[in-house]
PDB file of all heavy atoms in Angstrom:
ATOM      1  N   SER A   1       0.852  -1.229  -0.026  1.00  0.00           N
ATOM      2  CA  SER A   1      -0.022   0.011   0.002  1.00  0.00           C
ATOM      3  C   SER A   1       0.878   1.249  -0.030  1.00  0.00           C
ATOM      4  O   SER A   1       0.420   2.273  -0.520  1.00  0.00           O
ATOM      5  CB  SER A   1      -0.927   0.016   1.208  1.00  0.00           C
ATOM      6  OG  SER A   1      -0.179  -0.007   2.461  1.00  0.00           O
ATOM      7  N   GLN A   2       2.067   1.164   0.493  1.00  0.00           N
ATOM      8  CA  GLN A   2       2.916   2.346   0.517  1.00  0.00           C
ATOM      9  C   GLN A   2       3.445   2.737  -0.848  1.00  0.00           C
ATOM     10  O   GLN A   2       3.925   3.849  -1.077  1.00  0.00           O
ATOM     11  CB  GLN A   2       4.176   2.095   1.449  1.00  0.00           C
ATOM     12  CG  GLN A   2       3.842   1.919   2.874  1.00  0.00           C
ATOM     13  CD  GLN A   2       5.036   1.865   3.763  1.00  0.00           C
ATOM     14  OE1 GLN A   2       6.015   2.561   3.535  1.00  0.00           O
ATOM     15  NE2 GLN A   2       5.068   1.004   4.767  1.00  0.00           N
ATOM     16  N   LEU A   3       3.298   1.801  -1.798  1.00  0.00           N
ATOM     17  CA  LEU A   3       3.804   2.113  -3.127  1.00  0.00           C
ATOM     18  C   LEU A   3       2.656   2.401  -4.108  1.00  0.00           C
ATOM     19  O   LEU A   3       2.903   2.525  -5.340  1.00  0.00           O
ATOM     20  CB  LEU A   3       4.567   0.848  -3.634  1.00  0.00           C
ATOM     21  CG  LEU A   3       5.784   0.449  -2.853  1.00  0.00           C
ATOM     22  CD1 LEU A   3       6.512  -0.699  -3.547  1.00  0.00           C
ATOM     23  CD2 LEU A   3       6.721   1.614  -2.722  1.00  0.00           C
ATOM     24  N   GLY A   4       1.463   2.600  -3.628  1.00  0.00           N
ATOM     25  CA  GLY A   4       0.400   3.133  -4.538  1.00  0.00           C
ATOM     26  C   GLY A   4      -0.862   2.352  -4.589  1.00  0.00           C
ATOM     27  O   GLY A   4      -1.570   2.488  -5.573  1.00  0.00           O
ATOM     28  N   THR A   5      -1.233   1.485  -3.691  1.00  0.00           N
ATOM     29  CA  THR A   5      -2.455   0.776  -3.671  1.00  0.00           C
ATOM     30  C   THR A   5      -3.146   0.997  -2.370  1.00  0.00           C
ATOM     31  O   THR A   5      -2.619   1.433  -1.353  1.00  0.00           O
ATOM     32  CB  THR A   5      -2.273  -0.700  -3.958  1.00  0.00           C
ATOM     33  OG1 THR A   5      -1.460  -1.259  -2.917  1.00  0.00           O
ATOM     34  CG2 THR A   5      -1.662  -1.000  -5.291  1.00  0.00           C
ATOM     35  N   SER A   6      -4.481   0.606  -2.342  1.00  0.00           N
ATOM     36  CA  SER A   6      -5.263   0.909  -1.178  1.00  0.00           C
ATOM     37  C   SER A   6      -5.077  -0.192  -0.116  1.00  0.00           C
ATOM     38  O   SER A   6      -5.493  -0.015   1.018  1.00  0.00           O
ATOM     39  CB  SER A   6      -6.739   0.955  -1.470  1.00  0.00           C
ATOM     40  OG  SER A   6      -7.149  -0.280  -2.139  1.00  0.00           O
ATOM     41  N   GLU A   7      -4.368  -1.305  -0.412  1.00  0.00           N
ATOM     42  CA  GLU A   7      -4.134  -2.385   0.574  1.00  0.00           C
ATOM     43  C   GLU A   7      -2.844  -3.068   0.187  1.00  0.00           C
ATOM     44  O   GLU A   7      -2.352  -2.926  -0.901  1.00  0.00           O
ATOM     45  CB  GLU A   7      -5.301  -3.332   0.630  1.00  0.00           C
ATOM     46  CG  GLU A   7      -5.571  -4.062  -0.682  1.00  0.00           C
ATOM     47  CD  GLU A   7      -6.779  -5.054  -0.572  1.00  0.00           C
ATOM     48  OE1 GLU A   7      -7.920  -4.530  -0.467  1.00  0.00           O
ATOM     49  OE2 GLU A   7      -6.501  -6.220  -0.530  1.00  0.00           O
ATOM     50  N   SER A   8      -2.394  -3.894   1.180  1.00  0.00           N
ATOM     51  CA  SER A   8      -1.201  -4.691   0.946  1.00  0.00           C
ATOM     52  C   SER A   8      -1.573  -6.122   0.936  1.00  0.00           C
ATOM     53  O   SER A   8      -2.622  -6.568   1.548  1.00  0.00           O
ATOM     54  CB  SER A   8      -0.124  -4.412   2.073  1.00  0.00           C
ATOM     55  OG  SER A   8       0.255  -3.093   2.039  1.00  0.00           O
ATOM     56  N   GLY A   9      -0.725  -6.992   0.338  1.00  0.00           N
ATOM     57  CA  GLY A   9      -1.056  -8.384   0.350  1.00  0.00           C
ATOM     58  C   GLY A   9      -0.012  -9.158  -0.412  1.00  0.00           C
ATOM     59  O   GLY A   9       1.056  -8.639  -0.791  1.00  0.00           O
ATOM     60  N   LEU A  10      -0.363 -10.428  -0.790  1.00  0.00           N
ATOM     61  CA  LEU A  10       0.571 -11.322  -1.444  1.00  0.00           C
ATOM     62  C   LEU A  10      -0.104 -12.038  -2.561  1.00  0.00           C
ATOM     63  O   LEU A  10      -1.240 -12.559  -2.405  1.00  0.00           O
ATOM     64  CB  LEU A  10       1.084 -12.322  -0.370  1.00  0.00           C
ATOM     65  CG  LEU A  10       2.112 -13.421  -0.832  1.00  0.00           C
ATOM     66  CD1 LEU A  10       3.460 -12.730  -1.131  1.00  0.00           C
ATOM     67  CD2 LEU A  10       2.310 -14.474   0.235  1.00  0.00           C
ATOM     68  N   PHE A  11       0.562 -12.104  -3.722  1.00  0.00           N
ATOM     69  CA  PHE A  11       0.069 -12.889  -4.867  1.00  0.00           C
ATOM     70  C   PHE A  11       0.866 -14.218  -4.913  1.00  0.00           C
ATOM     71  O   PHE A  11       2.093 -14.196  -4.637  1.00  0.00           O
ATOM     72  CB  PHE A  11       0.278 -12.140  -6.154  1.00  0.00           C
ATOM     73  CG  PHE A  11      -0.713 -11.072  -6.400  1.00  0.00           C
ATOM     74  CD1 PHE A  11      -0.392  -9.760  -6.176  1.00  0.00           C
ATOM     75  CD2 PHE A  11      -1.999 -11.427  -6.894  1.00  0.00           C
ATOM     76  CE1 PHE A  11      -1.327  -8.783  -6.452  1.00  0.00           C
ATOM     77  CE2 PHE A  11      -2.875 -10.385  -7.194  1.00  0.00           C
ATOM     78  CZ  PHE A  11      -2.593  -9.105  -6.914  1.00  0.00           C
ATOM     79  N   VAL A  12       0.264 -15.333  -5.311  1.00  0.00           N
ATOM     80  CA  VAL A  12       0.905 -16.543  -5.565  1.00  0.00           C
ATOM     81  C   VAL A  12       0.451 -17.156  -6.852  1.00  0.00           C
ATOM     82  O   VAL A  12      -0.754 -17.035  -7.251  1.00  0.00           O
ATOM     83  CB  VAL A  12       0.660 -17.592  -4.435  1.00  0.00           C
ATOM     84  CG1 VAL A  12      -0.822 -17.859  -4.275  1.00  0.00           C
ATOM     85  CG2 VAL A  12       1.474 -18.898  -4.654  1.00  0.00           C
ATOM     86  N   GLY A  13       1.395 -17.689  -7.650  1.00  0.00           N
ATOM     87  CA  GLY A  13       1.060 -18.323  -8.941  1.00  0.00           C
ATOM     88  C   GLY A  13       1.173 -19.822  -8.833  1.00  0.00           C
ATOM     89  O   GLY A  13       2.105 -20.372  -8.304  1.00  0.00           O
ATOM     90  N   THR A  14       0.092 -20.520  -9.253  1.00  0.00           N
ATOM     91  CA  THR A  14       0.155 -21.967  -9.196  1.00  0.00           C
ATOM     92  C   THR A  14       0.088 -22.532 -10.610  1.00  0.00           C
ATOM     93  O   THR A  14       0.910 -22.150 -11.457  1.00  0.00           O
ATOM     94  CB  THR A  14      -1.146 -22.497  -8.410  1.00  0.00           C
ATOM     95  OG1 THR A  14      -2.325 -22.070  -9.030  1.00  0.00           O
ATOM     96  CG2 THR A  14      -1.061 -21.942  -6.956  1.00  0.00           C
ATOM     97  N   ILE A  15      -0.843 -23.425 -10.937  1.00  0.00           N
ATOM     98  CA  ILE A  15      -1.051 -23.971 -12.285  1.00  0.00           C
ATOM     99  C   ILE A  15      -2.388 -23.384 -12.778  1.00  0.00           C
ATOM    100  O   ILE A  15      -3.446 -23.720 -12.283  1.00  0.00           O
ATOM    101  CB  ILE A  15      -1.056 -25.442 -12.338  1.00  0.00           C
ATOM    102  CG1 ILE A  15       0.327 -26.037 -11.935  1.00  0.00           C
ATOM    103  CG2 ILE A  15      -1.438 -26.000 -13.727  1.00  0.00           C
ATOM    104  CD1 ILE A  15       0.370 -27.591 -11.871  1.00  0.00           C
ATOM    105  N   GLY A  16      -2.255 -22.548 -13.816  1.00  0.00           N
ATOM    106  CA  GLY A  16      -3.483 -21.956 -14.393  1.00  0.00           C
ATOM    107  C   GLY A  16      -4.202 -20.907 -13.544  1.00  0.00           C
ATOM    108  O   GLY A  16      -5.280 -20.465 -13.977  1.00  0.00           O
ATOM    109  N   SER A  17      -3.617 -20.474 -12.384  1.00  0.00           N
ATOM    110  CA  SER A  17      -4.317 -19.542 -11.534  1.00  0.00           C
ATOM    111  C   SER A  17      -3.336 -18.672 -10.805  1.00  0.00           C
ATOM    112  O   SER A  17      -2.217 -19.132 -10.433  1.00  0.00           O
ATOM    113  CB  SER A  17      -5.247 -20.269 -10.569  1.00  0.00           C
ATOM    114  OG  SER A  17      -6.252 -21.004 -11.204  1.00  0.00           O
ATOM    115  N   VAL A  18      -3.768 -17.440 -10.538  1.00  0.00           N
ATOM    116  CA  VAL A  18      -3.059 -16.577  -9.571  1.00  0.00           C
ATOM    117  C   VAL A  18      -4.068 -16.276  -8.426  1.00  0.00           C
ATOM    118  O   VAL A  18      -5.259 -16.067  -8.647  1.00  0.00           O
ATOM    119  CB  VAL A  18      -2.659 -15.199 -10.274  1.00  0.00           C
ATOM    120  CG1 VAL A  18      -2.166 -14.232  -9.177  1.00  0.00           C
ATOM    121  CG2 VAL A  18      -1.580 -15.484 -11.308  1.00  0.00           C
ATOM    122  N   TYR A  19      -3.558 -16.314  -7.168  1.00  0.00           N
ATOM    123  CA  TYR A  19      -4.423 -16.105  -6.035  1.00  0.00           C
ATOM    124  C   TYR A  19      -3.834 -14.936  -5.244  1.00  0.00           C
ATOM    125  O   TYR A  19      -2.598 -14.666  -5.211  1.00  0.00           O
ATOM    126  CB  TYR A  19      -4.461 -17.343  -5.076  1.00  0.00           C
ATOM    127  CG  TYR A  19      -5.222 -18.483  -5.715  1.00  0.00           C
ATOM    128  CD1 TYR A  19      -4.479 -19.417  -6.523  1.00  0.00           C
ATOM    129  CD2 TYR A  19      -6.538 -18.717  -5.547  1.00  0.00           C
ATOM    130  CE1 TYR A  19      -5.176 -20.479  -7.171  1.00  0.00           C
ATOM    131  CE2 TYR A  19      -7.228 -19.763  -6.070  1.00  0.00           C
ATOM    132  CZ  TYR A  19      -6.546 -20.657  -6.906  1.00  0.00           C
ATOM    133  OH  TYR A  19      -7.226 -21.639  -7.451  1.00  0.00           O
ATOM    134  N   TYR A  20      -4.691 -14.220  -4.570  1.00  0.00           N
ATOM    135  CA  TYR A  20      -4.324 -13.051  -3.772  1.00  0.00           C
ATOM    136  C   TYR A  20      -4.810 -13.169  -2.316  1.00  0.00           C
ATOM    137  O   TYR A  20      -5.887 -13.552  -2.053  1.00  0.00           O
ATOM    138  CB  TYR A  20      -4.934 -11.792  -4.363  1.00  0.00           C
ATOM    139  CG  TYR A  20      -4.710 -10.544  -3.508  1.00  0.00           C
ATOM    140  CD1 TYR A  20      -3.443  -9.989  -3.326  1.00  0.00           C
ATOM    141  CD2 TYR A  20      -5.807  -9.893  -2.867  1.00  0.00           C
ATOM    142  CE1 TYR A  20      -3.218  -8.939  -2.521  1.00  0.00           C
ATOM    143  CE2 TYR A  20      -5.593  -8.776  -2.071  1.00  0.00           C
ATOM    144  CZ  TYR A  20      -4.299  -8.367  -1.933  1.00  0.00           C
ATOM    145  OH  TYR A  20      -4.105  -7.218  -1.131  1.00  0.00           O
ATOM    146  N   LEU A  21      -3.834 -12.889  -1.403  1.00  0.00           N
ATOM    147  CA  LEU A  21      -4.143 -12.913   0.045  1.00  0.00           C
ATOM    148  C   LEU A  21      -3.956 -11.499   0.661  1.00  0.00           C
ATOM    149  O   LEU A  21      -2.885 -11.006   0.812  1.00  0.00           O
ATOM    150  CB  LEU A  21      -3.176 -13.889   0.754  1.00  0.00           C
ATOM    151  CG  LEU A  21      -3.442 -14.029   2.299  1.00  0.00           C
ATOM    152  CD1 LEU A  21      -4.719 -14.782   2.576  1.00  0.00           C
ATOM    153  CD2 LEU A  21      -2.242 -14.755   2.944  1.00  0.00           C
ATOM    154  N   PRO A  22      -5.126 -10.884   0.960  1.00  0.00           N
ATOM    155  CA  PRO A  22      -4.959  -9.544   1.599  1.00  0.00           C
ATOM    156  C   PRO A  22      -4.250  -9.637   2.941  1.00  0.00           C
ATOM    157  O   PRO A  22      -4.377 -10.681   3.617  1.00  0.00           O
ATOM    158  CB  PRO A  22      -6.403  -9.080   1.796  1.00  0.00           C
ATOM    159  CG  PRO A  22      -7.219  -9.933   0.891  1.00  0.00           C
ATOM    160  CD  PRO A  22      -6.479 -11.253   0.785  1.00  0.00           C
ATOM    161  N   GLU A  23      -3.479  -8.613   3.235  1.00  0.00           N
ATOM    162  CA  GLU A  23      -2.706  -8.555   4.542  1.00  0.00           C
ATOM    163  C   GLU A  23      -3.658  -8.747   5.699  1.00  0.00           C
ATOM    164  O   GLU A  23      -4.727  -8.127   5.783  1.00  0.00           O
ATOM    165  CB  GLU A  23      -1.932  -7.304   4.712  1.00  0.00           C
ATOM    166  CG  GLU A  23      -1.023  -7.309   5.873  1.00  0.00           C
ATOM    167  CD  GLU A  23      -0.165  -6.048   5.964  1.00  0.00           C
ATOM    168  OE1 GLU A  23      -0.331  -5.154   5.077  1.00  0.00           O
ATOM    169  OE2 GLU A  23       0.687  -5.953   6.805  1.00  0.00           O
ATOM    170  N   GLY A  24      -3.337  -9.703   6.592  1.00  0.00           N
ATOM    171  CA  GLY A  24      -4.143  -9.950   7.814  1.00  0.00           C
ATOM    172  C   GLY A  24      -5.308 -10.830   7.554  1.00  0.00           C
ATOM    173  O   GLY A  24      -6.126 -11.145   8.452  1.00  0.00           O
TER     174      GLY A  24
END
């Protein structure tokens, strides 16, 4: 979020999909 978005979190790439985990 400090670099220009409204929230922080983590992306992970698997097979055929990307998933997002919001911080907390």
